[in-house]
Structure formats: structure tokens, C-alpha cells
C-alpha atoms as a PDB file:
ATOM      1  CA  MET A   1     127.829  86.706  35.873  1.00  0.00           C
ATOM      2  CA  ALA A   2     130.449  84.556  37.336  1.00  0.00           C
ATOM      3  CA  SER A   3     130.069  81.235  39.911  1.00  0.00           C
ATOM      4  CA  LEU A   4     130.279  82.165  43.578  1.00  0.00           C
ATOM      5  CA  ALA A   5     133.724  80.593  43.239  1.00  0.00           C
ATOM      6  CA  VAL A   6     135.628  82.604  40.922  1.00  0.00           C
ATOM      7  CA  MET A   7     133.314  86.041  42.837  1.00  0.00           C
ATOM      8  CA  THR A   8     134.968  84.669  45.867  1.00  0.00           C
ATOM      9  CA  ALA A   9     138.772  84.140  44.895  1.00  0.00           C
ATOM     10  CA  VAL A  10     139.149  87.106  42.276  1.00  0.00           C
ATOM     11  CA  GLU A  11     137.409  89.287  45.545  1.00  0.00           C
ATOM     12  CA  ALA A  12     139.476  87.205  48.015  1.00  0.00           C
ATOM     13  CA  ARG A  13     143.060  87.304  45.598  1.00  0.00           C
ATOM     14  CA  LEU A  14     142.213  91.182  44.911  1.00  0.00           C
ATOM     15  CA  ALA A  15     141.192  92.005  48.389  1.00  0.00           C
ATOM     16  CA  ALA A  16     145.006  90.511  49.581  1.00  0.00           C
ATOM     17  CA  ASN A  17     146.833  92.443  47.852  1.00  0.00           C
ATOM     18  CA  PHE A  18     145.811  95.624  45.990  1.00  0.00           C
ATOM     19  CA  THR A  19     144.377  98.131  49.199  1.00  0.00           C
ATOM     20  CA  ARG A  20     145.392 101.324  46.925  1.00  0.00           C
ATOM     21  CA  CYS A  21     141.783 102.549  47.600  1.00  0.00           C
ATOM     22  CA  ALA A  22     138.148 101.609  47.714  1.00  0.00           C
ATOM     23  CA  ILE A  23     136.766  98.326  46.112  1.00  0.00           C
ATOM     24  CA  ILE A  24     133.457  97.528  45.334  1.00  0.00           C
ATOM     25  CA  THR A  25     131.584  94.984  44.207  1.00  0.00           C
ATOM     26  CA  PRO A  26     128.190  93.521  42.360  1.00  0.00           C
ATOM     27  CA  ASN A  27     125.412  94.461  44.834  1.00  0.00           C
ATOM     28  CA  THR A  28     126.864  95.556  48.169  1.00  0.00           C
ATOM     29  CA  THR A  29     126.361  98.559  50.249  1.00  0.00           C
ATOM     30  CA  ALA A  30     129.552 100.203  49.648  1.00  0.00           C
ATOM     31  CA  GLU A  31     129.374 103.480  47.850  1.00  0.00           C
ATOM     32  CA  PRO A  32     132.236 104.945  45.549  1.00  0.00           C
ATOM     33  CA  PRO A  33     133.985 107.764  48.149  1.00  0.00           C
ATOM     34  CA  GLY A  34     132.803 111.365  49.364  1.00  0.00           C
ATOM     35  CA  ASP A  35     135.238 112.729  48.417  1.00  0.00           C
ATOM     36  CA  SER A  36     137.135 112.900  44.511  1.00  0.00           C
ATOM     37  CA  SER A  37     139.435 109.524  45.464  1.00  0.00           C
ATOM     38  CA  ALA A  38     139.747 107.042  43.562  1.00  0.00           C
ATOM     39  CA  TYR A  39     138.006 103.788  43.631  1.00  0.00           C
ATOM     40  CA  LEU A  40     138.156  99.925  42.458  1.00  0.00           C
ATOM     41  CA  THR A  41     135.084  97.822  40.356  1.00  0.00           C
ATOM     42  CA  VAL A  42     134.620  94.685  39.497  1.00  0.00           C
ATOM     43  CA  THR A  43     131.484  93.311  37.858  1.00  0.00           C
ATOM     44  CA  TYR A  44     131.697  89.441  36.406  1.00  0.00           C
ATOM     45  CA  PRO A  45     129.842  90.654  32.879  1.00  0.00           C
ATOM     46  CA  VAL A  46     130.168  87.203  31.429  1.00  0.00           C
ATOM     47  CA  SER A  47     130.507  84.138  31.583  1.00  0.00           C
ATOM     48  CA  ASN A  48     129.654  80.688  30.135  1.00  0.00           C
ATOM     49  CA  GLU A  49     128.987  76.570  31.232  1.00  0.00           C
ATOM     50  CA  THR A  50     130.042  73.145  29.438  1.00  0.00           C
ATOM     51  CA  GLN A  51     129.916  69.925  30.460  1.00  0.00           C
ATOM     52  CA  ALA A  52     133.689  68.441  30.139  1.00  0.00           C
ATOM     53  CA  SER A  53     133.245  65.451  30.794  1.00  0.00           C
ATOM     54  CA  MET A  54     130.765  62.219  30.306  1.00  0.00           C
ATOM     55  CA  GLY A  55     130.253  60.725  33.201  1.00  0.00           C
ATOM     56  CA  ALA A  56     127.712  58.692  36.203  1.00  0.00           C
ATOM     57  CA  PRO A  57     125.489  61.752  37.782  1.00  0.00           C
ATOM     58  CA  GLY A  58     128.227  63.241  40.268  1.00  0.00           C
ATOM     59  CA  SER A  59     130.902  62.469  38.147  1.00  0.00           C
ATOM     60  CA  ASN A  60     131.720  65.084  35.740  1.00  0.00           C
ATOM     61  CA  ALA A  61     133.377  68.010  34.935  1.00  0.00           C
ATOM     62  CA  TYR A  62     131.994  71.395  34.291  1.00  0.00           C
ATOM     63  CA  ARG A  63     133.856  74.344  32.615  1.00  0.00           C
ATOM     64  CA  GLU A  64     132.884  77.688  33.380  1.00  0.00           C
ATOM     65  CA  GLU A  65     135.012  80.492  30.935  1.00  0.00           C
ATOM     66  CA  GLY A  66     134.278  84.392  30.979  1.00  0.00           C
ATOM     67  CA  ALA A  67     135.969  87.643  32.240  1.00  0.00           C
ATOM     68  CA  PHE A  68     136.124  89.643  34.655  1.00  0.00           C
ATOM     69  CA  ARG A  69     136.273  93.329  34.290  1.00  0.00           C
ATOM     70  CA  PHE A  70     138.041  96.257  36.939  1.00  0.00           C
ATOM     71  CA  VAL A  71     136.946  99.650  36.497  1.00  0.00           C
ATOM     72  CA  LEU A  72     139.326 102.076  38.113  1.00  0.00           C
ATOM     73  CA  SER A  73     137.553 105.018  38.339  1.00  0.00           C
ATOM     74  CA  VAL A  74     139.898 108.122  39.218  1.00  0.00           C
ATOM     75  CA  PRO A  75     139.726 112.071  39.574  1.00  0.00           C
ATOM     76  CA  ILE A  76     139.102 114.454  37.294  1.00  0.00           C
ATOM     77  CA  ARG A  77     142.715 116.230  35.075  1.00  0.00           C
ATOM     78  CA  THR A  78     145.286 114.467  37.199  1.00  0.00           C
ATOM     79  CA  GLY A  79     147.000 112.557  35.024  1.00  0.00           C
ATOM     80  CA  LEU A  80     147.497 109.248  34.129  1.00  0.00           C
ATOM     81  CA  ALA A  81     151.027 108.681  35.477  1.00  0.00           C
ATOM     82  CA  GLN A  82     149.936 107.420  38.744  1.00  0.00           C
ATOM     83  CA  TRP A  83     146.603 105.582  37.860  1.00  0.00           C
ATOM     84  CA  SER A  84     148.515 103.271  35.130  1.00  0.00           C
ATOM     85  CA  ALA A  85     150.915 102.413  38.185  1.00  0.00           C
ATOM     86  CA  TRP A  86     148.105 100.812  40.323  1.00  0.00           C
ATOM     87  CA  ILE A  87     146.366  99.008  36.836  1.00  0.00           C
ATOM     88  CA  ASP A  88     149.377  97.487  35.569  1.00  0.00           C
ATOM     89  CA  GLU A  89     150.604  96.248  39.139  1.00  0.00           C
ATOM     90  CA  LEU A  90     146.119  94.820  38.670  1.00  0.00           C
ATOM     91  CA  ARG A  91     147.050  93.593  35.171  1.00  0.00           C
ATOM     92  CA  VAL A  92     150.792  91.544  37.413  1.00  0.00           C
ATOM     93  CA  LEU A  93     148.206  90.224  40.097  1.00  0.00           C
ATOM     94  CA  PHE A  94     146.037  89.059  37.886  1.00  0.00           C
ATOM     95  CA  ARG A  95     147.906  88.244  34.178  1.00  0.00           C
ATOM     96  CA  GLY A  96     148.126  83.977  33.740  1.00  0.00           C
ATOM     97  CA  VAL A  97     148.343  82.777  37.243  1.00  0.00           C
ATOM     98  CA  VAL A  98     145.869  80.208  39.056  1.00  0.00           C
ATOM     99  CA  PHE A  99     144.442  80.475  42.519  1.00  0.00           C
ATOM    100  CA  ASP A 100     142.001  78.438  44.463  1.00  0.00           C
ATOM    101  CA  GLY A 101     140.891  76.616  40.785  1.00  0.00           C
ATOM    102  CA  VAL A 102     140.874  80.104  38.931  1.00  0.00           C
ATOM    103  CA  VAL A 103     142.989  79.844  35.669  1.00  0.00           C
ATOM    104  CA  THR A 104     143.639  83.294  34.192  1.00  0.00           C
ATOM    105  CA  TRP A 105     145.998  84.386  31.012  1.00  0.00           C
ATOM    106  CA  GLU A 106     146.186  87.550  29.249  1.00  0.00           C
ATOM    107  CA  SER A 107     145.263  91.076  31.242  1.00  0.00           C
ATOM    108  CA  PRO A 108     145.279  93.297  28.439  1.00  0.00           C
ATOM    109  CA  PRO A 109     145.988  97.286  28.561  1.00  0.00           C
ATOM    110  CA  PRO A 110     143.227 100.287  29.462  1.00  0.00           C
ATOM    111  CA  ALA A 111     140.220 101.558  28.298  1.00  0.00           C
ATOM    112  CA  THR A 112     139.657 104.740  29.619  1.00  0.00           C
ATOM    113  CA  ARG A 113     136.799 107.468  29.349  1.00  0.00           C
ATOM    114  CA  ASP A 114     135.450 109.569  31.148  1.00  0.00           C
ATOM    115  CA  SER A 115     132.614 108.635  33.713  1.00  0.00           C
ATOM    116  CA  ASP A 116     129.278 109.203  32.662  1.00  0.00           C
ATOM    117  CA  ASP A 117     129.256 112.581  35.034  1.00  0.00           C
ATOM    118  CA  GLY A 118     132.110 114.715  34.374  1.00  0.00           C
ATOM    119  CA  THR A 119     133.320 114.533  37.527  1.00  0.00           C
ATOM    120  CA  ARG A 120     135.901 111.428  36.786  1.00  0.00           C
ATOM    121  CA  TYR A 121     138.166 109.264  34.534  1.00  0.00           C
ATOM    122  CA  GLU A 122     137.886 105.497  34.484  1.00  0.00           C
ATOM    123  CA  LEU A 123     140.217 103.068  32.939  1.00  0.00           C
ATOM    124  CA  SER A 124     139.515  99.529  32.442  1.00  0.00           C
ATOM    125  CA  PHE A 125     140.060  96.190  31.380  1.00  0.00           C
ATOM    126  CA  ALA A 126     139.274  92.800  30.976  1.00  0.00           C
ATOM    127  CA  VAL A 127     140.819  89.627  32.579  1.00  0.00           C
ATOM    128  CA  PRO A 128     139.199  86.409  30.390  1.00  0.00           C
ATOM    129  CA  TYR A 129     139.021  83.155  32.944  1.00  0.00           C
ATOM    130  CA  ARG A 130     138.517  78.968  33.225  1.00  0.00           C
ATOM    131  CA  PHE A 131     137.374  77.549  36.078  1.00  0.00           C
ATOM    132  CA  TYR A 132     136.199  73.904  36.412  1.00  0.00           C
ATOM    133  CA  ILE A 133     132.590  72.454  38.258  1.00  0.00           C
ATOM    134  CA  PHE A 134     132.677  69.057  39.389  1.00  0.00           C
ATOM    135  CA  ALA A 135     129.546  67.417  39.696  1.00  0.00           C
END
């Protein structure tokens, strides 16, 4: 899981720039909408930290690298045009940018699948990131 600073930065950028649907973040009380409307989930499936400098204690740099993942859950059998456009907006929002110390690179096209309960279709992609911690 990403550090708190990374999660805060990602979620702030997302909330400020993507208002098309409900956004669900890890371990919150937010739940998917009760109707069939679309919603977006953000998770932080992988991260790692390595020491990037050698110095006096308290003056070292640590490099956190990982990925955050978006899953857009949409009503089944509603086509892909609208949802692909939403995914492309997200990909542009997080592709090759620097925000609050978080550096991102590519935002690959989404993987797709039917949800486990068969009532939704899911489009997902992950964005690799780097973040430096100085301590």
C-alpha cells in the first residue's frame, strides 16, 4: 500500500478533477451507489521503499515506487463509448505528471471484465509512480 502522502495527493487530484461519478477510496464508509450508476474505486495494490541516499540520520532520501489502480464499474450491457471516454480522461489526468511530489509515467489502456456478481462491467488500469521521502 502507498504511503499516506501519496494516497492524499492522488485522491485530492482525483476529487478536484474528476466529478463524473462517485469515488470510493480504501477503507472508507463510502459504498457503491444503490442504483445502477457508475462508480470509481481507487486502490494502492503495490509499493516499495528503498533508501536512495546515505547521510546523517534524519537527512536521508527514501524512494517509494509503486502503482495506484482505478476501477470504473459501470452498468452491464451499456456499451463502451461513454465509459472509455471517462477512462481516457483519467488516463490523461495521471499520465506523465508531477503533483504534490508524486511523479507518474504511463497510463496504459484499461483491462476489462464482467464483475463477480454479473451486474456490472469493469474497466481498470494502474499508474506507476515514484515519491521521495526525506527523513
